All heavy atoms as atom14 arrays in JSON, in Angstrom:
{
  "sequence": "KAVEAIARQPEAESKIMKNLVLGCALAEATAIYCFVIAL",
  "atom14_mask": [
    [1, 1, 1, 1, 1, 1, 1, 1, 1, 0, 0, 0, 0, 0],
    [1, 1, 1, 1, 1, 0, 0, 0, 0, 0, 0, 0, 0, 0],
    [1, 1, 1, 1, 1, 1, 1, 0, 0, 0, 0, 0, 0, 0],
    [1, 1, 1, 1, 1, 1, 1, 1, 1, 0, 0, 0, 0, 0],
    [1, 1, 1, 1, 1, 0, 0, 0, 0, 0, 0, 0, 0, 0],
    [1, 1, 1, 1, 1, 1, 1, 1, 0, 0, 0, 0, 0, 0],
    [1, 1, 1, 1, 1, 0, 0, 0, 0, 0, 0, 0, 0, 0],
    [1, 1, 1, 1, 1, 1, 1, 1, 1, 1, 1, 0, 0, 0],
    [1, 1, 1, 1, 1, 1, 1, 1, 1, 0, 0, 0, 0, 0],
    [1, 1, 1, 1, 1, 1, 1, 0, 0, 0, 0, 0, 0, 0],
    [1, 1, 1, 1, 1, 1, 1, 1, 1, 0, 0, 0, 0, 0],
    [1, 1, 1, 1, 1, 0, 0, 0, 0, 0, 0, 0, 0, 0],
    [1, 1, 1, 1, 1, 1, 1, 1, 1, 0, 0, 0, 0, 0],
    [1, 1, 1, 1, 1, 1, 0, 0, 0, 0, 0, 0, 0, 0],
    [1, 1, 1, 1, 1, 1, 1, 1, 1, 0, 0, 0, 0, 0],
    [1, 1, 1, 1, 1, 1, 1, 1, 0, 0, 0, 0, 0, 0],
    [1, 1, 1, 1, 1, 1, 1, 1, 0, 0, 0, 0, 0, 0],
    [1, 1, 1, 1, 1, 1, 1, 1, 1, 0, 0, 0, 0, 0],
    [1, 1, 1, 1, 1, 1, 1, 1, 0, 0, 0, 0, 0, 0],
    [1, 1, 1, 1, 1, 1, 1, 1, 0, 0, 0, 0, 0, 0],
    [1, 1, 1, 1, 1, 1, 1, 0, 0, 0, 0, 0, 0, 0],
    [1, 1, 1, 1, 1, 1, 1, 1, 0, 0, 0, 0, 0, 0],
    [1, 1, 1, 1, 0, 0, 0, 0, 0, 0, 0, 0, 0, 0],
    [1, 1, 1, 1, 1, 1, 0, 0, 0, 0, 0, 0, 0, 0],
    [1, 1, 1, 1, 1, 0, 0, 0, 0, 0, 0, 0, 0, 0],
    [1, 1, 1, 1, 1, 1, 1, 1, 0, 0, 0, 0, 0, 0],
    [1, 1, 1, 1, 1, 0, 0, 0, 0, 0, 0, 0, 0, 0],
    [1, 1, 1, 1, 1, 1, 1, 1, 1, 0, 0, 0, 0, 0],
    [1, 1, 1, 1, 1, 0, 0, 0, 0, 0, 0, 0, 0, 0],
    [1, 1, 1, 1, 1, 1, 1, 0, 0, 0, 0, 0, 0, 0],
    [1, 1, 1, 1, 1, 0, 0, 0, 0, 0, 0, 0, 0, 0],
    [1, 1, 1, 1, 1, 1, 1, 1, 0, 0, 0, 0, 0, 0],
    [1, 1, 1, 1, 1, 1, 1, 1, 1, 1, 1, 1, 0, 0],
    [1, 1, 1, 1, 1, 1, 0, 0, 0, 0, 0, 0, 0, 0],
    [1, 1, 1, 1, 1, 1, 1, 1, 1, 1, 1, 0, 0, 0],
    [1, 1, 1, 1, 1, 1, 1, 0, 0, 0, 0, 0, 0, 0],
    [1, 1, 1, 1, 1, 1, 1, 1, 0, 0, 0, 0, 0, 0],
    [1, 1, 1, 1, 1, 0, 0, 0, 0, 0, 0, 0, 0, 0],
    [1, 1, 1, 1, 1, 1, 1, 1, 0, 0, 0, 0, 0, 0]
  ],
  "atom14_positions": [
    [[0.83, -1.21, 0.0], [0.0, 0.0, 0.0], [0.86, 1.26, 0.0], [0.5, 2.27, -0.63], [-0.95, 0.02, 1.2], [-1.95, -1.11, 1.2], [-2.88, -1.0, 0.02], [-3.91, -2.12, 0.07], [-4.84, -2.07, -1.03], [0.0, 0.0, 0.0], [0.0, 0.0, 0.0], [0.0, 0.0, 0.0], [0.0, 0.0, 0.0], [0.0, 0.0, 0.0]],
    [[1.99, 1.22, 0.7], [2.88, 2.38, 0.72], [3.48, 2.62, -0.66], [3.59, 3.77, -1.11], [3.99, 2.18, 1.75], [0.0, 0.0, 0.0], [0.0, 0.0, 0.0], [0.0, 0.0, 0.0], [0.0, 0.0, 0.0], [0.0, 0.0, 0.0], [0.0, 0.0, 0.0], [0.0, 0.0, 0.0], [0.0, 0.0, 0.0], [0.0, 0.0, 0.0]],
    [[3.85, 1.55, -1.35], [4.4, 1.69, -2.71], [3.34, 2.27, -3.64], [3.63, 3.15, -4.47], [4.93, 0.34, -3.22], [5.25, 0.4, -4.7], [6.15, -0.07, -2.44], [0.0, 0.0, 0.0], [0.0, 0.0, 0.0], [0.0, 0.0, 0.0], [0.0, 0.0, 0.0], [0.0, 0.0, 0.0], [0.0, 0.0, 0.0], [0.0, 0.0, 0.0]],
    [[2.1, 1.81, -3.51], [1.02, 2.37, -4.32], [0.81, 3.85, -4.03], [0.62, 4.66, -4.94], [-0.28, 1.62, -4.04], [-0.34, 0.22, -4.61], [-1.63, -0.49, -4.22], [-2.58, 0.17, -3.75], [-1.67, -1.72, -4.39], [0.0, 0.0, 0.0], [0.0, 0.0, 0.0], [0.0, 0.0, 0.0], [0.0, 0.0, 0.0], [0.0, 0.0, 0.0]],
    [[0.86, 4.22, -2.75], [0.66, 5.62, -2.38], [1.78, 6.5, -2.9], [1.54, 7.62, -3.36], [0.55, 5.74, -0.85], [0.0, 0.0, 0.0], [0.0, 0.0, 0.0], [0.0, 0.0, 0.0], [0.0, 0.0, 0.0], [0.0, 0.0, 0.0], [0.0, 0.0, 0.0], [0.0, 0.0, 0.0], [0.0, 0.0, 0.0], [0.0, 0.0, 0.0]],
    [[3.02, 6.0, -2.85], [4.14, 6.77, -3.37], [4.04, 6.92, -4.88], [4.37, 7.96, -5.44], [5.48, 6.13, -2.95], [5.67, 6.28, -1.44], [6.66, 6.75, -3.69], [6.83, 5.48, -0.88], [0.0, 0.0, 0.0], [0.0, 0.0, 0.0], [0.0, 0.0, 0.0], [0.0, 0.0, 0.0], [0.0, 0.0, 0.0], [0.0, 0.0, 0.0]],
    [[3.55, 5.87, -5.54], [3.38, 5.96, -7.0], [2.33, 7.01, -7.37], [2.46, 7.68, -8.39], [2.98, 4.6, -7.56], [0.0, 0.0, 0.0], [0.0, 0.0, 0.0], [0.0, 0.0, 0.0], [0.0, 0.0, 0.0], [0.0, 0.0, 0.0], [0.0, 0.0, 0.0], [0.0, 0.0, 0.0], [0.0, 0.0, 0.0], [0.0, 0.0, 0.0]],
    [[1.31, 7.17, -6.53], [0.27, 8.16, -6.81], [0.71, 9.57, -6.46], [0.37, 10.52, -7.16], [-0.99, 7.82, -6.02], [-1.73, 6.63, -6.56], [-3.09, 6.5, -5.89], [-3.63, 5.19, -6.2], [-3.92, 4.26, -5.31], [-3.75, 4.51, -4.02], [-4.4, 3.1, -5.69], [0.0, 0.0, 0.0], [0.0, 0.0, 0.0], [0.0, 0.0, 0.0]],
    [[1.42, 9.7, -5.33], [1.85, 11.03, -4.87], [3.32, 10.99, -4.48], [3.67, 10.85, -3.3], [1.03, 11.46, -3.66], [-0.41, 11.75, -3.98], [-1.16, 12.24, -2.77], [-0.78, 11.96, -1.64], [-2.22, 12.99, -3.0], [0.0, 0.0, 0.0], [0.0, 0.0, 0.0], [0.0, 0.0, 0.0], [0.0, 0.0, 0.0], [0.0, 0.0, 0.0]],
    [[4.21, 11.12, -5.45], [5.65, 11.04, -5.14], [6.13, 12.15, -4.2], [7.1, 11.97, -3.47], [6.32, 11.19, -6.51], [5.27, 10.95, -7.51], [3.96, 11.25, -6.87], [0.0, 0.0, 0.0], [0.0, 0.0, 0.0], [0.0, 0.0, 0.0], [0.0, 0.0, 0.0], [0.0, 0.0, 0.0], [0.0, 0.0, 0.0], [0.0, 0.0, 0.0]],
    [[5.43, 13.28, -4.19], [5.86, 14.38, -3.32], [5.64, 14.07, -1.84], [6.21, 14.72, -0.96], [5.16, 15.69, -3.7], [3.66, 15.7, -3.46], [2.83, 15.1, -4.59], [3.41, 14.66, -5.59], [1.6, 15.05, -4.43], [0.0, 0.0, 0.0], [0.0, 0.0, 0.0], [0.0, 0.0, 0.0], [0.0, 0.0, 0.0], [0.0, 0.0, 0.0]],
    [[4.8, 13.1, -1.51], [4.51, 12.75, -0.12], [5.33, 11.55, 0.35], [5.01, 10.93, 1.36], [3.02, 12.46, 0.05], [0.0, 0.0, 0.0], [0.0, 0.0, 0.0], [0.0, 0.0, 0.0], [0.0, 0.0, 0.0], [0.0, 0.0, 0.0], [0.0, 0.0, 0.0], [0.0, 0.0, 0.0], [0.0, 0.0, 0.0], [0.0, 0.0, 0.0]],
    [[6.4, 11.24, -0.36], [7.17, 10.03, -0.06], [7.74, 10.03, 1.36], [7.66, 9.01, 2.06], [8.31, 9.87, -1.06], [9.16, 8.65, -0.8], [10.3, 8.51, -1.77], [10.49, 9.39, -2.62], [11.0, 7.5, -1.67], [0.0, 0.0, 0.0], [0.0, 0.0, 0.0], [0.0, 0.0, 0.0], [0.0, 0.0, 0.0], [0.0, 0.0, 0.0]],
    [[8.26, 11.14, 1.82], [8.89, 11.16, 3.14], [7.87, 10.89, 4.25], [8.15, 10.16, 5.21], [9.62, 12.48, 3.39], [8.7, 13.55, 3.4], [0.0, 0.0, 0.0], [0.0, 0.0, 0.0], [0.0, 0.0, 0.0], [0.0, 0.0, 0.0], [0.0, 0.0, 0.0], [0.0, 0.0, 0.0], [0.0, 0.0, 0.0], [0.0, 0.0, 0.0]],
    [[6.69, 11.48, 4.13], [5.63, 11.24, 5.13], [5.18, 9.78, 5.11], [4.99, 9.16, 6.15], [4.42, 12.13, 4.83], [4.31, 13.33, 5.65], [2.98, 14.0, 5.35], [2.81, 15.21, 6.21], [1.59, 15.92, 5.92], [0.0, 0.0, 0.0], [0.0, 0.0, 0.0], [0.0, 0.0, 0.0], [0.0, 0.0, 0.0], [0.0, 0.0, 0.0]],
    [[5.0, 9.25, 3.92], [4.54, 7.87, 3.78], [5.59, 6.9, 4.35], [5.25, 5.96, 5.06], [4.22, 7.54, 2.31], [3.03, 8.38, 1.84], [3.95, 6.06, 2.11], [2.81, 8.36, 0.34], [0.0, 0.0, 0.0], [0.0, 0.0, 0.0], [0.0, 0.0, 0.0], [0.0, 0.0, 0.0], [0.0, 0.0, 0.0], [0.0, 0.0, 0.0]],
    [[6.85, 7.15, 4.04], [7.92, 6.26, 4.51], [8.05, 6.28, 6.02], [8.29, 5.24, 6.64], [9.25, 6.62, 3.84], [9.31, 6.26, 2.38], [9.01, 4.52, 2.05], [10.46, 3.81, 2.76], [0.0, 0.0, 0.0], [0.0, 0.0, 0.0], [0.0, 0.0, 0.0], [0.0, 0.0, 0.0], [0.0, 0.0, 0.0], [0.0, 0.0, 0.0]],
    [[7.89, 7.46, 6.63], [7.96, 7.54, 8.09], [6.87, 6.67, 8.73], [7.13, 5.91, 9.65], [7.82, 8.98, 8.57], [9.1, 9.75, 8.56], [8.96, 11.04, 9.34], [8.41, 12.1, 8.42], [8.34, 13.42, 9.02], [0.0, 0.0, 0.0], [0.0, 0.0, 0.0], [0.0, 0.0, 0.0], [0.0, 0.0, 0.0], [0.0, 0.0, 0.0]],
    [[5.66, 6.8, 8.22], [4.56, 6.02, 8.77], [4.73, 4.53, 8.49], [4.39, 3.69, 9.33], [3.23, 6.51, 8.21], [2.84, 7.85, 8.77], [3.17, 8.17, 9.9], [2.14, 8.64, 7.98], [0.0, 0.0, 0.0], [0.0, 0.0, 0.0], [0.0, 0.0, 0.0], [0.0, 0.0, 0.0], [0.0, 0.0, 0.0], [0.0, 0.0, 0.0]],
    [[5.26, 4.21, 7.32], [5.49, 2.81, 6.98], [6.52, 2.17, 7.91], [6.31, 1.07, 8.42], [5.96, 2.67, 5.53], [6.39, 1.27, 5.1], [5.19, 0.33, 5.11], [7.04, 1.3, 3.75], [0.0, 0.0, 0.0], [0.0, 0.0, 0.0], [0.0, 0.0, 0.0], [0.0, 0.0, 0.0], [0.0, 0.0, 0.0], [0.0, 0.0, 0.0]],
    [[7.61, 2.87, 8.15], [8.65, 2.33, 9.02], [8.13, 2.15, 10.45], [8.4, 1.14, 11.1], [9.91, 3.22, 8.98], [10.9, 2.83, 10.05], [10.56, 3.14, 7.61], [0.0, 0.0, 0.0], [0.0, 0.0, 0.0], [0.0, 0.0, 0.0], [0.0, 0.0, 0.0], [0.0, 0.0, 0.0], [0.0, 0.0, 0.0], [0.0, 0.0, 0.0]],
    [[7.37, 3.11, 10.93], [6.8, 3.0, 12.27], [5.84, 1.81, 12.36], [5.9, 1.02, 13.31], [6.07, 4.29, 12.65], [5.41, 4.31, 14.02], [6.47, 4.17, 15.11], [4.63, 5.58, 14.21], [0.0, 0.0, 0.0], [0.0, 0.0, 0.0], [0.0, 0.0, 0.0], [0.0, 0.0, 0.0], [0.0, 0.0, 0.0], [0.0, 0.0, 0.0]],
    [[4.97, 1.68, 11.38], [4.03, 0.55, 11.38], [4.72, -0.79, 11.26], [4.36, -1.76, 11.94], [0.0, 0.0, 0.0], [0.0, 0.0, 0.0], [0.0, 0.0, 0.0], [0.0, 0.0, 0.0], [0.0, 0.0, 0.0], [0.0, 0.0, 0.0], [0.0, 0.0, 0.0], [0.0, 0.0, 0.0], [0.0, 0.0, 0.0], [0.0, 0.0, 0.0]],
    [[5.75, -0.87, 10.42], [6.49, -2.13, 10.28], [7.23, -2.48, 11.56], [7.32, -3.65, 11.93], [7.46, -2.04, 9.11], [6.65, -2.12, 7.51], [0.0, 0.0, 0.0], [0.0, 0.0, 0.0], [0.0, 0.0, 0.0], [0.0, 0.0, 0.0], [0.0, 0.0, 0.0], [0.0, 0.0, 0.0], [0.0, 0.0, 0.0], [0.0, 0.0, 0.0]],
    [[7.75, -1.46, 12.25], [8.44, -1.72, 13.51], [7.47, -2.28, 14.56], [7.8, -3.22, 15.29], [9.1, -0.45, 14.02], [0.0, 0.0, 0.0], [0.0, 0.0, 0.0], [0.0, 0.0, 0.0], [0.0, 0.0, 0.0], [0.0, 0.0, 0.0], [0.0, 0.0, 0.0], [0.0, 0.0, 0.0], [0.0, 0.0, 0.0], [0.0, 0.0, 0.0]],
    [[6.29, -1.73, 14.62], [5.3, -2.23, 15.59], [4.85, -3.65, 15.23], [4.69, -4.5, 16.11], [4.09, -1.29, 15.64], [4.37, 0.08, 16.24], [3.16, 0.98, 16.09], [4.77, -0.04, 17.7], [0.0, 0.0, 0.0], [0.0, 0.0, 0.0], [0.0, 0.0, 0.0], [0.0, 0.0, 0.0], [0.0, 0.0, 0.0], [0.0, 0.0, 0.0]],
    [[4.66, -3.91, 13.95], [4.26, -5.26, 13.54], [5.38, -6.26, 13.8], [5.13, -7.4, 14.22], [3.88, -5.26, 12.07], [0.0, 0.0, 0.0], [0.0, 0.0, 0.0], [0.0, 0.0, 0.0], [0.0, 0.0, 0.0], [0.0, 0.0, 0.0], [0.0, 0.0, 0.0], [0.0, 0.0, 0.0], [0.0, 0.0, 0.0], [0.0, 0.0, 0.0]],
    [[6.61, -5.85, 13.57], [7.74, -6.74, 13.82], [7.9, -7.02, 15.31], [8.25, -8.13, 15.7], [9.02, -6.13, 13.25], [10.16, -7.08, 13.17], [9.93, -8.23, 12.22], [9.24, -8.05, 11.21], [10.44, -9.33, 12.51], [0.0, 0.0, 0.0], [0.0, 0.0, 0.0], [0.0, 0.0, 0.0], [0.0, 0.0, 0.0], [0.0, 0.0, 0.0]],
    [[7.64, -6.02, 16.15], [7.69, -6.24, 17.59], [6.64, -7.27, 18.01], [6.91, -8.13, 18.86], [7.47, -4.93, 18.33], [0.0, 0.0, 0.0], [0.0, 0.0, 0.0], [0.0, 0.0, 0.0], [0.0, 0.0, 0.0], [0.0, 0.0, 0.0], [0.0, 0.0, 0.0], [0.0, 0.0, 0.0], [0.0, 0.0, 0.0], [0.0, 0.0, 0.0]],
    [[5.47, -7.2, 17.41], [4.43, -8.18, 17.7], [4.89, -9.58, 17.3], [4.67, -10.55, 18.03], [3.14, -7.83, 16.94], [2.74, -6.52, 17.31], [2.03, -8.81, 17.26], [0.0, 0.0, 0.0], [0.0, 0.0, 0.0], [0.0, 0.0, 0.0], [0.0, 0.0, 0.0], [0.0, 0.0, 0.0], [0.0, 0.0, 0.0], [0.0, 0.0, 0.0]],
    [[5.54, -9.69, 16.16], [6.05, -10.99, 15.71], [7.09, -11.53, 16.68], [7.1, -12.72, 16.99], [6.63, -10.86, 14.31], [0.0, 0.0, 0.0], [0.0, 0.0, 0.0], [0.0, 0.0, 0.0], [0.0, 0.0, 0.0], [0.0, 0.0, 0.0], [0.0, 0.0, 0.0], [0.0, 0.0, 0.0], [0.0, 0.0, 0.0], [0.0, 0.0, 0.0]],
    [[7.96, -10.66, 17.16], [8.99, -11.11, 18.11], [8.35, -11.56, 19.42], [8.75, -12.57, 20.0], [10.02, -9.99, 18.33], [10.84, -9.79, 17.05], [10.95, -10.3, 19.51], [11.72, -8.57, 17.06], [0.0, 0.0, 0.0], [0.0, 0.0, 0.0], [0.0, 0.0, 0.0], [0.0, 0.0, 0.0], [0.0, 0.0, 0.0], [0.0, 0.0, 0.0]],
    [[7.34, -10.83, 19.9], [6.64, -11.25, 21.11], [6.0, -12.62, 20.94], [6.06, -13.46, 21.83], [5.58, -10.23, 21.52], [6.12, -8.89, 21.93], [5.4, -7.73, 21.69], [7.34, -8.77, 22.59], [5.89, -6.5, 22.07], [7.83, -7.54, 22.97], [7.1, -6.41, 22.7], [7.58, -5.18, 23.08], [0.0, 0.0, 0.0], [0.0, 0.0, 0.0]],
    [[5.39, -12.85, 19.79], [4.77, -14.16, 19.52], [5.82, -15.26, 19.52], [5.59, -16.34, 20.04], [4.03, -14.13, 18.2], [2.55, -13.12, 18.21], [0.0, 0.0, 0.0], [0.0, 0.0, 0.0], [0.0, 0.0, 0.0], [0.0, 0.0, 0.0], [0.0, 0.0, 0.0], [0.0, 0.0, 0.0], [0.0, 0.0, 0.0], [0.0, 0.0, 0.0]],
    [[6.97, -14.98, 18.93], [8.04, -15.97, 18.89], [8.56, -16.28, 20.3], [8.77, -17.44, 20.66], [9.18, -15.47, 18.0], [10.32, -16.42, 17.9], [10.18, -17.64, 17.24], [11.55, -16.12, 18.45], [11.23, -18.52, 17.15], [12.62, -16.99, 18.36], [12.46, -18.2, 17.7], [0.0, 0.0, 0.0], [0.0, 0.0, 0.0], [0.0, 0.0, 0.0]],
    [[8.72, -15.25, 21.12], [9.19, -15.45, 22.49], [8.17, -16.25, 23.29], [8.53, -17.15, 24.06], [9.49, -14.09, 23.16], [9.71, -14.24, 24.65], [10.71, -13.46, 22.51], [0.0, 0.0, 0.0], [0.0, 0.0, 0.0], [0.0, 0.0, 0.0], [0.0, 0.0, 0.0], [0.0, 0.0, 0.0], [0.0, 0.0, 0.0], [0.0, 0.0, 0.0]],
    [[6.91, -15.96, 23.11], [5.87, -16.72, 23.81], [5.89, -18.18, 23.38], [5.75, -19.09, 24.21], [4.49, -16.08, 23.58], [4.41, -14.77, 24.35], [3.36, -17.01, 23.99], [3.19, -13.94, 24.04], [0.0, 0.0, 0.0], [0.0, 0.0, 0.0], [0.0, 0.0, 0.0], [0.0, 0.0, 0.0], [0.0, 0.0, 0.0], [0.0, 0.0, 0.0]],
    [[6.09, -18.43, 22.08], [6.18, -19.81, 21.61], [7.35, -20.53, 22.26], [7.23, -21.69, 22.69], [6.31, -19.84, 20.09], [0.0, 0.0, 0.0], [0.0, 0.0, 0.0], [0.0, 0.0, 0.0], [0.0, 0.0, 0.0], [0.0, 0.0, 0.0], [0.0, 0.0, 0.0], [0.0, 0.0, 0.0], [0.0, 0.0, 0.0], [0.0, 0.0, 0.0]],
    [[8.49, -19.86, 22.36], [9.64, -20.49, 23.02], [9.39, -20.74, 24.49], [9.76, -21.79, 25.02], [10.88, -19.6, 22.85], [11.5, -19.56, 21.46], [12.68, -18.6, 21.45], [11.94, -20.93, 21.01], [0.0, 0.0, 0.0], [0.0, 0.0, 0.0], [0.0, 0.0, 0.0], [0.0, 0.0, 0.0], [0.0, 0.0, 0.0], [0.0, 0.0, 0.0]]
  ]
}
């Protein structure tokens, strides 16, 4: 979705990337928590 948004509005790339990185970090933290719980 971020790639699609950047393709539509290239001038908003920095805003989109900031939100994408933040969201991916939160999702990755959730994945790590799930892995730790499994262990």
